[in-house]
């Protein structure tokens, strides 16, 4: 199992409506990419200062399945429409989750 973790910091002007629309777009995209074994995402609970605002965790059976997801047109659409213009910082890691 391979895990892909992304953390995002929203721009200061991003509101709750955009975050909700992003969550819906992520859910919709996931439904079109069968290579995803598990997909979870959500807003930070605000329990500690300095945290990122939003996290996405995806699991894949293989590196090849991750690559399909990474390069999928629907994934690219969500990034272009809902993420890239609205984030000030992004961190990501992929690792072997055993």
PDB file of N, CA and C in Angstrom:
ATOM      1  N   UNK A   1       0.838  -1.171   0.000  1.00  0.00           N
ATOM      2  CA  UNK A   1       0.000   0.000   0.000  1.00  0.00           C
ATOM      3  C   UNK A   1       0.889   1.242   0.000  1.00  0.00           C
ATOM      4  N   UNK A   2       0.538   2.197  -0.822  1.00  0.00           N
ATOM      5  CA  UNK A   2       1.295   3.436  -0.924  1.00  0.00           C
ATOM      6  C   UNK A   2       0.388   4.596  -0.547  1.00  0.00           C
ATOM      7  N   UNK A   3       0.912   5.494   0.251  1.00  0.00           N
ATOM      8  CA  UNK A   3       0.118   6.609   0.759  1.00  0.00           C
ATOM      9  C   UNK A   3       0.676   7.929   0.230  1.00  0.00           C
ATOM     10  N   UNK A   4      -0.241   8.797  -0.153  1.00  0.00           N
ATOM     11  CA  UNK A   4       0.058  10.146  -0.648  1.00  0.00           C
ATOM     12  C   UNK A   4      -0.620  11.121   0.308  1.00  0.00           C
ATOM     13  N   UNK A   5       0.166  12.007   0.924  1.00  0.00           N
ATOM     14  CA  UNK A   5      -0.355  12.971   1.893  1.00  0.00           C
ATOM     15  C   UNK A   5      -0.049  14.372   1.396  1.00  0.00           C
ATOM     16  N   UNK A   6      -1.068  15.222   1.381  1.00  0.00           N
ATOM     17  CA  UNK A   6      -0.916  16.610   0.955  1.00  0.00           C
ATOM     18  C   UNK A   6      -1.485  17.508   2.046  1.00  0.00           C
ATOM     19  N   UNK A   7      -0.769  18.574   2.345  1.00  0.00           N
ATOM     20  CA  UNK A   7      -1.257  19.579   3.284  1.00  0.00           C
ATOM     21  C   UNK A   7      -1.261  20.929   2.584  1.00  0.00           C
ATOM     22  N   UNK A   8      -2.329  21.685   2.793  1.00  0.00           N
ATOM     23  CA  UNK A   8      -2.516  22.964   2.105  1.00  0.00           C
ATOM     24  C   UNK A   8      -2.730  24.090   3.100  1.00  0.00           C
ATOM     25  N   UNK A   9      -2.219  25.260   2.754  1.00  0.00           N
ATOM     26  CA  UNK A   9      -2.558  26.493   3.462  1.00  0.00           C
ATOM     27  C   UNK A   9      -3.346  27.343   2.473  1.00  0.00           C
ATOM     28  N   UNK A  10      -4.547  27.720   2.872  1.00  0.00           N
ATOM     29  CA  UNK A  10      -5.395  28.545   2.023  1.00  0.00           C
ATOM     30  C   UNK A  10      -4.895  29.991   2.030  1.00  0.00           C
ATOM     31  N   UNK A  11      -5.150  30.701   0.942  1.00  0.00           N
ATOM     32  CA  UNK A  11      -4.941  32.147   0.925  1.00  0.00           C
ATOM     33  C   UNK A  11      -5.888  32.775   1.939  1.00  0.00           C
ATOM     34  N   UNK A  12      -5.555  33.949   2.424  1.00  0.00           N
ATOM     35  CA  UNK A  12      -6.335  34.602   3.463  1.00  0.00           C
ATOM     36  C   UNK A  12      -7.785  34.869   3.065  1.00  0.00           C
ATOM     37  N   UNK A  13      -8.058  35.042   1.783  1.00  0.00           N
ATOM     38  CA  UNK A  13      -9.412  35.385   1.353  1.00  0.00           C
ATOM     39  C   UNK A  13     -10.289  34.170   1.029  1.00  0.00           C
ATOM     40  N   UNK A  14      -9.798  32.969   1.244  1.00  0.00           N
ATOM     41  CA  UNK A  14     -10.595  31.763   0.989  1.00  0.00           C
ATOM     42  C   UNK A  14     -11.631  31.615   2.097  1.00  0.00           C
ATOM     43  N   UNK A  15     -12.897  31.433   1.678  1.00  0.00           N
ATOM     44  CA  UNK A  15     -13.976  31.320   2.659  1.00  0.00           C
ATOM     45  C   UNK A  15     -14.479  29.883   2.770  1.00  0.00           C
ATOM     46  N   UNK A  16     -15.374  29.669   3.726  1.00  0.00           N
ATOM     47  CA  UNK A  16     -15.905  28.326   3.990  1.00  0.00           C
ATOM     48  C   UNK A  16     -16.621  27.756   2.770  1.00  0.00           C
ATOM     49  N   UNK A  17     -17.271  28.591   1.997  1.00  0.00           N
ATOM     50  CA  UNK A  17     -17.975  28.109   0.801  1.00  0.00           C
ATOM     51  C   UNK A  17     -16.993  27.500  -0.195  1.00  0.00           C
ATOM     52  N   UNK A  18     -15.826  28.128  -0.351  1.00  0.00           N
ATOM     53  CA  UNK A  18     -14.836  27.561  -1.279  1.00  0.00           C
ATOM     54  C   UNK A  18     -14.285  26.238  -0.744  1.00  0.00           C
ATOM     55  N   UNK A  19     -14.057  26.165   0.543  1.00  0.00           N
ATOM     56  CA  UNK A  19     -13.555  24.918   1.133  1.00  0.00           C
ATOM     57  C   UNK A  19     -14.575  23.802   0.919  1.00  0.00           C
ATOM     58  N   UNK A  20     -15.850  24.091   1.106  1.00  0.00           N
ATOM     59  CA  UNK A  20     -16.905  23.094   0.879  1.00  0.00           C
ATOM     60  C   UNK A  20     -16.966  22.687  -0.584  1.00  0.00           C
ATOM     61  N   UNK A  21     -16.844  23.656  -1.488  1.00  0.00           N
ATOM     62  CA  UNK A  21     -16.853  23.346  -2.923  1.00  0.00           C
ATOM     63  C   UNK A  21     -15.649  22.492  -3.296  1.00  0.00           C
ATOM     64  N   UNK A  22     -14.503  22.764  -2.684  1.00  0.00           N
ATOM     65  CA  UNK A  22     -13.304  21.973  -2.934  1.00  0.00           C
ATOM     66  C   UNK A  22     -13.507  20.540  -2.463  1.00  0.00           C
ATOM     67  N   UNK A  23     -14.076  20.376  -1.278  1.00  0.00           N
ATOM     68  CA  UNK A  23     -14.334  19.031  -0.753  1.00  0.00           C
ATOM     69  C   UNK A  23     -15.249  18.257  -1.701  1.00  0.00           C
ATOM     70  N   UNK A  24     -16.280  18.907  -2.205  1.00  0.00           N
ATOM     71  CA  UNK A  24     -17.197  18.249  -3.143  1.00  0.00           C
ATOM     72  C   UNK A  24     -16.483  17.893  -4.445  1.00  0.00           C
ATOM     73  N   UNK A  25     -15.624  18.782  -4.933  1.00  0.00           N
ATOM     74  CA  UNK A  25     -14.874  18.512  -6.164  1.00  0.00           C
ATOM     75  C   UNK A  25     -13.911  17.345  -5.964  1.00  0.00           C
ATOM     76  N   UNK A  26     -13.262  17.284  -4.807  1.00  0.00           N
ATOM     77  CA  UNK A  26     -12.371  16.162  -4.517  1.00  0.00           C
ATOM     78  C   UNK A  26     -13.152  14.847  -4.496  1.00  0.00           C
ATOM     79  N   UNK A  27     -14.293  14.837  -3.828  1.00  0.00           N
ATOM     80  CA  UNK A  27     -15.121  13.626  -3.774  1.00  0.00           C
ATOM     81  C   UNK A  27     -15.559  13.193  -5.168  1.00  0.00           C
ATOM     82  N   UNK A  28     -15.937  14.148  -5.985  1.00  0.00           N
ATOM     83  CA  UNK A  28     -16.365  13.846  -7.354  1.00  0.00           C
ATOM     84  C   UNK A  28     -15.218  13.277  -8.182  1.00  0.00           C
ATOM     85  N   UNK A  29     -14.041  13.870  -8.051  1.00  0.00           N
ATOM     86  CA  UNK A  29     -12.880  13.386  -8.806  1.00  0.00           C
ATOM     87  C   UNK A  29     -12.521  11.968  -8.407  1.00  0.00           C
ATOM     88  N   UNK A  30     -12.562  11.695  -7.124  1.00  0.00           N
ATOM     89  CA  UNK A  30     -12.212  10.365  -6.621  1.00  0.00           C
ATOM     90  C   UNK A  30     -13.121   9.306  -7.229  1.00  0.00           C
ATOM     91  N   UNK A  31     -14.370   9.646  -7.412  1.00  0.00           N
ATOM     92  CA  UNK A  31     -15.331   8.691  -7.973  1.00  0.00           C
ATOM     93  C   UNK A  31     -14.992   8.313  -9.413  1.00  0.00           C
ATOM     94  N   UNK A  32     -14.166   9.112 -10.086  1.00  0.00           N
ATOM     95  CA  UNK A  32     -13.828   8.831 -11.486  1.00  0.00           C
ATOM     96  C   UNK A  32     -12.491   8.119 -11.658  1.00  0.00           C
ATOM     97  N   UNK A  33     -11.771   7.895 -10.550  1.00  0.00           N
ATOM     98  CA  UNK A  33     -10.430   7.306 -10.638  1.00  0.00           C
ATOM     99  C   UNK A  33     -10.406   6.000  -9.839  1.00  0.00           C
ATOM    100  N   UNK A  34     -10.646   4.869 -10.499  1.00  0.00           N
ATOM    101  CA  UNK A  34     -10.764   3.601  -9.774  1.00  0.00           C
ATOM    102  C   UNK A  34      -9.468   3.112  -9.129  1.00  0.00           C
ATOM    103  N   UNK A  35      -8.340   3.666  -9.517  1.00  0.00           N
ATOM    104  CA  UNK A  35      -7.057   3.227  -8.944  1.00  0.00           C
ATOM    105  C   UNK A  35      -6.889   3.651  -7.478  1.00  0.00           C
ATOM    106  N   UNK A  36      -7.734   4.552  -7.010  1.00  0.00           N
ATOM    107  CA  UNK A  36      -7.645   5.012  -5.615  1.00  0.00           C
ATOM    108  C   UNK A  36      -8.244   3.945  -4.708  1.00  0.00           C
ATOM    109  N   UNK A  37      -7.462   3.466  -3.744  1.00  0.00           N
ATOM    110  CA  UNK A  37      -7.940   2.455  -2.796  1.00  0.00           C
ATOM    111  C   UNK A  37      -8.689   3.097  -1.633  1.00  0.00           C
ATOM    112  N   UNK A  38      -8.236   4.274  -1.189  1.00  0.00           N
ATOM    113  CA  UNK A  38      -8.897   4.994  -0.097  1.00  0.00           C
ATOM    114  C   UNK A  38      -8.543   6.464  -0.234  1.00  0.00           C
ATOM    115  N   UNK A  39      -9.478   7.341   0.142  1.00  0.00           N
ATOM    116  CA  UNK A  39      -9.267   8.783  -0.022  1.00  0.00           C
ATOM    117  C   UNK A  39     -10.004   9.509   1.071  1.00  0.00           C
ATOM    118  N   UNK A  40      -9.268  10.294   1.840  1.00  0.00           N
ATOM    119  CA  UNK A  40      -9.864  11.061   2.938  1.00  0.00           C
ATOM    120  C   UNK A  40      -9.288  12.468   2.914  1.00  0.00           C
ATOM    121  N   UNK A  41     -10.101  13.413   3.317  1.00  0.00           N
ATOM    122  CA  UNK A  41      -9.642  14.801   3.336  1.00  0.00           C
ATOM    123  C   UNK A  41     -10.493  15.607   4.304  1.00  0.00           C
ATOM    124  N   UNK A  42      -9.927  16.733   4.760  1.00  0.00           N
ATOM    125  CA  UNK A  42     -10.690  17.587   5.648  1.00  0.00           C
ATOM    126  C   UNK A  42      -9.884  18.754   6.170  1.00  0.00           C
ATOM    127  N   UNK A  43     -10.610  19.671   6.801  1.00  0.00           N
ATOM    128  CA  UNK A  43     -10.020  20.881   7.370  1.00  0.00           C
ATOM    129  C   UNK A  43      -9.361  20.589   8.710  1.00  0.00           C
ATOM    130  N   UNK A  44      -8.305  21.337   8.983  1.00  0.00           N
ATOM    131  CA  UNK A  44      -7.640  21.263  10.274  1.00  0.00           C
ATOM    132  C   UNK A  44      -8.617  21.679  11.372  1.00  0.00           C
ATOM    133  N   UNK A  45      -8.527  21.049  12.521  1.00  0.00           N
ATOM    134  CA  UNK A  45      -9.430  21.338  13.633  1.00  0.00           C
ATOM    135  C   UNK A  45      -9.018  22.577  14.426  1.00  0.00           C
ATOM    136  N   UNK A  46      -7.852  23.121  14.137  1.00  0.00           N
ATOM    137  CA  UNK A  46      -7.415  24.319  14.836  1.00  0.00           C
ATOM    138  C   UNK A  46      -6.935  24.070  16.255  1.00  0.00           C
ATOM    139  N   UNK A  47      -6.438  22.884  16.515  1.00  0.00           N
ATOM    140  CA  UNK A  47      -6.007  22.526  17.863  1.00  0.00           C
ATOM    141  C   UNK A  47      -4.603  23.000  18.204  1.00  0.00           C
ATOM    142  N   UNK A  48      -3.832  23.401  17.190  1.00  0.00           N
ATOM    143  CA  UNK A  48      -2.467  23.868  17.415  1.00  0.00           C
ATOM    144  C   UNK A  48      -2.140  24.984  16.431  1.00  0.00           C
ATOM    145  N   UNK A  49      -1.441  25.988  16.898  1.00  0.00           N
ATOM    146  CA  UNK A  49      -1.016  27.086  16.032  1.00  0.00           C
ATOM    147  C   UNK A  49      -0.015  26.590  14.994  1.00  0.00           C
ATOM    148  N   UNK A  50      -0.076  27.177  13.817  1.00  0.00           N
ATOM    149  CA  UNK A  50       0.906  26.884  12.784  1.00  0.00           C
ATOM    150  C   UNK A  50       0.583  25.707  11.888  1.00  0.00           C
ATOM    151  N   UNK A  51      -0.513  24.997  12.162  1.00  0.00           N
ATOM    152  CA  UNK A  51      -0.881  23.871  11.307  1.00  0.00           C
ATOM    153  C   UNK A  51      -1.287  24.337   9.915  1.00  0.00           C
ATOM    154  N   UNK A  52      -1.211  23.432   8.972  1.00  0.00           N
ATOM    155  CA  UNK A  52      -1.780  23.687   7.662  1.00  0.00           C
ATOM    156  C   UNK A  52      -3.303  23.687   7.812  1.00  0.00           C
ATOM    157  N   UNK A  53      -3.999  24.192   6.797  1.00  0.00           N
ATOM    158  CA  UNK A  53      -5.451  24.361   6.875  1.00  0.00           C
ATOM    159  C   UNK A  53      -6.250  23.141   6.427  1.00  0.00           C
ATOM    160  N   UNK A  54      -5.672  22.344   5.531  1.00  0.00           N
ATOM    161  CA  UNK A  54      -6.441  21.254   4.916  1.00  0.00           C
ATOM    162  C   UNK A  54      -5.497  20.098   4.607  1.00  0.00           C
ATOM    163  N   UNK A  55      -5.994  18.880   4.762  1.00  0.00           N
ATOM    164  CA  UNK A  55      -5.171  17.700   4.471  1.00  0.00           C
ATOM    165  C   UNK A  55      -5.921  16.741   3.555  1.00  0.00           C
ATOM    166  N   UNK A  56      -5.158  16.073   2.710  1.00  0.00           N
ATOM    167  CA  UNK A  56      -5.679  15.043   1.812  1.00  0.00           C
ATOM    168  C   UNK A  56      -4.778  13.825   1.977  1.00  0.00           C
ATOM    169  N   UNK A  57      -5.388  12.669   2.187  1.00  0.00           N
ATOM    170  CA  UNK A  57      -4.638  11.424   2.325  1.00  0.00           C
ATOM    171  C   UNK A  57      -5.251  10.404   1.372  1.00  0.00           C
ATOM    172  N   UNK A  58      -4.437   9.905   0.457  1.00  0.00           N
ATOM    173  CA  UNK A  58      -4.903   8.923  -0.524  1.00  0.00           C
ATOM    174  C   UNK A  58      -4.041   7.677  -0.433  1.00  0.00           C
ATOM    175  N   UNK A  59      -4.659   6.523  -0.650  1.00  0.00           N
ATOM    176  CA  UNK A  59      -3.916   5.260  -0.645  1.00  0.00           C
ATOM    177  C   UNK A  59      -4.098   4.552  -1.981  1.00  0.00           C
ATOM    178  N   UNK A  60      -3.028   3.869  -2.366  1.00  0.00           N
ATOM    179  CA  UNK A  60      -2.976   3.172  -3.652  1.00  0.00           C
ATOM    180  C   UNK A  60      -2.328   1.813  -3.469  1.00  0.00           C
ATOM    181  N   UNK A  61      -2.739   0.845  -4.259  1.00  0.00           N
ATOM    182  CA  UNK A  61      -2.174  -0.500  -4.186  1.00  0.00           C
ATOM    183  C   UNK A  61      -0.767  -0.554  -4.761  1.00  0.00           C
ATOM    184  N   UNK A  62      -0.438   0.385  -5.646  1.00  0.00           N
ATOM    185  CA  UNK A  62       0.875   0.360  -6.293  1.00  0.00           C
ATOM    186  C   UNK A  62       1.310   1.774  -6.656  1.00  0.00           C
ATOM    187  N   UNK A  63       2.591   1.926  -6.926  1.00  0.00           N
ATOM    188  CA  UNK A  63       3.109   3.201  -7.403  1.00  0.00           C
ATOM    189  C   UNK A  63       2.460   3.544  -8.745  1.00  0.00           C
ATOM    190  N   UNK A  64       2.223   2.533  -9.565  1.00  0.00           N
ATOM    191  CA  UNK A  64       1.586   2.763 -10.861  1.00  0.00           C
ATOM    192  C   UNK A  64       0.179   3.339 -10.688  1.00  0.00           C
ATOM    193  N   UNK A  65      -0.562   2.841  -9.697  1.00  0.00           N
ATOM    194  CA  UNK A  65      -1.904   3.385  -9.437  1.00  0.00           C
ATOM    195  C   UNK A  65      -1.809   4.846  -8.994  1.00  0.00           C
ATOM    196  N   UNK A  66      -0.827   5.168  -8.162  1.00  0.00           N
ATOM    197  CA  UNK A  66      -0.621   6.564  -7.766  1.00  0.00           C
ATOM    198  C   UNK A  66      -0.335   7.423  -8.996  1.00  0.00           C
ATOM    199  N   UNK A  67       0.497   6.930  -9.892  1.00  0.00           N
ATOM    200  CA  UNK A  67       0.850   7.685 -11.091  1.00  0.00           C
ATOM    201  C   UNK A  67      -0.375   7.953 -11.959  1.00  0.00           C
ATOM    202  N   UNK A  68      -1.261   6.973 -12.085  1.00  0.00           N
ATOM    203  CA  UNK A  68      -2.507   7.179 -12.836  1.00  0.00           C
ATOM    204  C   UNK A  68      -3.296   8.327 -12.214  1.00  0.00           C
ATOM    205  N   UNK A  69      -3.444   8.304 -10.887  1.00  0.00           N
ATOM    206  CA  UNK A  69      -4.147   9.364 -10.162  1.00  0.00           C
ATOM    207  C   UNK A  69      -3.464  10.712 -10.380  1.00  0.00           C
ATOM    208  N   UNK A  70      -2.170  10.752 -10.174  1.00  0.00           N
ATOM    209  CA  UNK A  70      -1.407  11.998 -10.302  1.00  0.00           C
ATOM    210  C   UNK A  70      -1.588  12.650 -11.666  1.00  0.00           C
ATOM    211  N   UNK A  71      -1.629  11.820 -12.710  1.00  0.00           N
ATOM    212  CA  UNK A  71      -1.681  12.322 -14.076  1.00  0.00           C
ATOM    213  C   UNK A  71      -3.097  12.376 -14.653  1.00  0.00           C
ATOM    214  N   UNK A  72      -4.094  11.987 -13.882  1.00  0.00           N
ATOM    215  CA  UNK A  72      -5.465  11.907 -14.376  1.00  0.00           C
ATOM    216  C   UNK A  72      -6.016  13.309 -14.676  1.00  0.00           C
ATOM    217  N   UNK A  73      -6.701  13.477 -15.808  1.00  0.00           N
ATOM    218  CA  UNK A  73      -7.240  14.793 -16.178  1.00  0.00           C
ATOM    219  C   UNK A  73      -8.210  15.374 -15.142  1.00  0.00           C
ATOM    220  N   UNK A  74      -8.991  14.558 -14.502  1.00  0.00           N
ATOM    221  CA  UNK A  74      -9.931  15.069 -13.498  1.00  0.00           C
ATOM    222  C   UNK A  74      -9.178  15.579 -12.265  1.00  0.00           C
ATOM    223  N   UNK A  75      -8.124  14.897 -11.885  1.00  0.00           N
ATOM    224  CA  UNK A  75      -7.272  15.359 -10.790  1.00  0.00           C
ATOM    225  C   UNK A  75      -6.653  16.711 -11.153  1.00  0.00           C
ATOM    226  N   UNK A  76      -6.157  16.833 -12.369  1.00  0.00           N
ATOM    227  CA  UNK A  76      -5.571  18.091 -12.833  1.00  0.00           C
ATOM    228  C   UNK A  76      -6.607  19.211 -12.849  1.00  0.00           C
ATOM    229  N   UNK A  77      -7.834  18.900 -13.217  1.00  0.00           N
ATOM    230  CA  UNK A  77      -8.896  19.911 -13.241  1.00  0.00           C
ATOM    231  C   UNK A  77      -9.167  20.448 -11.843  1.00  0.00           C
ATOM    232  N   UNK A  78      -9.268  19.562 -10.873  1.00  0.00           N
ATOM    233  CA  UNK A  78      -9.529  19.995  -9.495  1.00  0.00           C
ATOM    234  C   UNK A  78      -8.374  20.857  -8.984  1.00  0.00           C
ATOM    235  N   UNK A  79      -7.168  20.449  -9.261  1.00  0.00           N
ATOM    236  CA  UNK A  79      -6.012  21.245  -8.843  1.00  0.00           C
ATOM    237  C   UNK A  79      -6.071  22.636  -9.468  1.00  0.00           C
ATOM    238  N   UNK A  80      -6.336  22.693 -10.759  1.00  0.00           N
ATOM    239  CA  UNK A  80      -6.359  23.970 -11.471  1.00  0.00           C
ATOM    240  C   UNK A  80      -7.499  24.886 -11.074  1.00  0.00           C
ATOM    241  N   UNK A  81      -8.673  24.322 -10.806  1.00  0.00           N
ATOM    242  CA  UNK A  81      -9.848  25.140 -10.505  1.00  0.00           C
ATOM    243  C   UNK A  81     -10.044  25.428  -9.031  1.00  0.00           C
ATOM    244  N   UNK A  82      -9.693  24.491  -8.161  1.00  0.00           N
ATOM    245  CA  UNK A  82     -10.047  24.625  -6.743  1.00  0.00           C
ATOM    246  C   UNK A  82      -8.849  24.788  -5.802  1.00  0.00           C
ATOM    247  N   UNK A  83      -7.657  24.384  -6.242  1.00  0.00           N
ATOM    248  CA  UNK A  83      -6.518  24.414  -5.329  1.00  0.00           C
ATOM    249  C   UNK A  83      -5.479  25.468  -5.697  1.00  0.00           C
ATOM    250  N   UNK A  84      -4.819  25.292  -6.811  1.00  0.00           N
ATOM    251  CA  UNK A  84      -3.657  26.116  -7.137  1.00  0.00           C
ATOM    252  C   UNK A  84      -3.899  27.620  -6.982  1.00  0.00           C
ATOM    253  N   UNK A  85      -5.000  28.171  -7.471  1.00  0.00           N
ATOM    254  CA  UNK A  85      -5.192  29.623  -7.332  1.00  0.00           C
ATOM    255  C   UNK A  85      -5.530  30.064  -5.901  1.00  0.00           C
ATOM    256  N   UNK A  86      -5.819  29.122  -5.022  1.00  0.00           N
ATOM    257  CA  UNK A  86      -6.349  29.448  -3.697  1.00  0.00           C
ATOM    258  C   UNK A  86      -5.428  29.076  -2.544  1.00  0.00           C
ATOM    259  N   UNK A  87      -4.237  28.559  -2.840  1.00  0.00           N
ATOM    260  CA  UNK A  87      -3.349  28.145  -1.752  1.00  0.00           C
ATOM    261  C   UNK A  87      -2.082  28.993  -1.720  1.00  0.00           C
ATOM    262  N   UNK A  88      -1.594  29.201  -0.496  1.00  0.00           N
ATOM    263  CA  UNK A  88      -0.350  29.943  -0.321  1.00  0.00           C
ATOM    264  C   UNK A  88       0.828  29.010  -0.065  1.00  0.00           C
ATOM    265  N   UNK A  89       0.533  27.762   0.345  1.00  0.00           N
ATOM    266  CA  UNK A  89       1.600  26.791   0.589  1.00  0.00           C
ATOM    267  C   UNK A  89       1.044  25.380   0.446  1.00  0.00           C
ATOM    268  N   UNK A  90       1.927  24.483   0.018  1.00  0.00           N
ATOM    269  CA  UNK A  90       1.573  23.071  -0.150  1.00  0.00           C
ATOM    270  C   UNK A  90       2.759  22.236   0.276  1.00  0.00           C
ATOM    271  N   UNK A  91       2.473  21.146   0.969  1.00  0.00           N
ATOM    272  CA  UNK A  91       3.511  20.170   1.295  1.00  0.00           C
ATOM    273  C   UNK A  91       2.937  18.797   0.947  1.00  0.00           C
ATOM    274  N   UNK A  92       3.785  17.911   0.456  1.00  0.00           N
ATOM    275  CA  UNK A  92       3.320  16.576   0.083  1.00  0.00           C
ATOM    276  C   UNK A  92       4.418  15.561   0.319  1.00  0.00           C
ATOM    277  N   UNK A  93       3.973  14.333   0.534  1.00  0.00           N
ATOM    278  CA  UNK A  93       4.883  13.204   0.679  1.00  0.00           C
ATOM    279  C   UNK A  93       4.163  11.948   0.212  1.00  0.00           C
ATOM    280  N   UNK A  94       4.916  11.049  -0.395  1.00  0.00           N
ATOM    281  CA  UNK A  94       4.404   9.733  -0.739  1.00  0.00           C
ATOM    282  C   UNK A  94       5.311   8.730  -0.026  1.00  0.00           C
ATOM    283  N   UNK A  95       4.691   7.712   0.572  1.00  0.00           N
ATOM    284  CA  UNK A  95       5.511   6.716   1.269  1.00  0.00           C
ATOM    285  C   UNK A  95       4.855   5.337   1.220  1.00  0.00           C
ATOM    286  N   UNK A  96       5.687   4.349   1.431  1.00  0.00           N
ATOM    287  CA  UNK A  96       5.235   2.961   1.451  1.00  0.00           C
ATOM    288  C   UNK A  96       4.589   2.719   2.803  1.00  0.00           C
ATOM    289  N   UNK A  97       3.289   2.486   2.807  1.00  0.00           N
ATOM    290  CA  UNK A  97       2.532   2.294   4.043  1.00  0.00           C
ATOM    291  C   UNK A  97       2.416   0.827   4.421  1.00  0.00           C
ATOM    292  N   UNK A  98       3.140  -0.002   3.685  1.00  0.00           N
ATOM    293  CA  UNK A  98       3.167  -1.432   3.999  1.00  0.00           C
ATOM    294  C   UNK A  98       1.937  -2.069   3.620  1.00  0.00           C
TER     295      UNK A  98
END
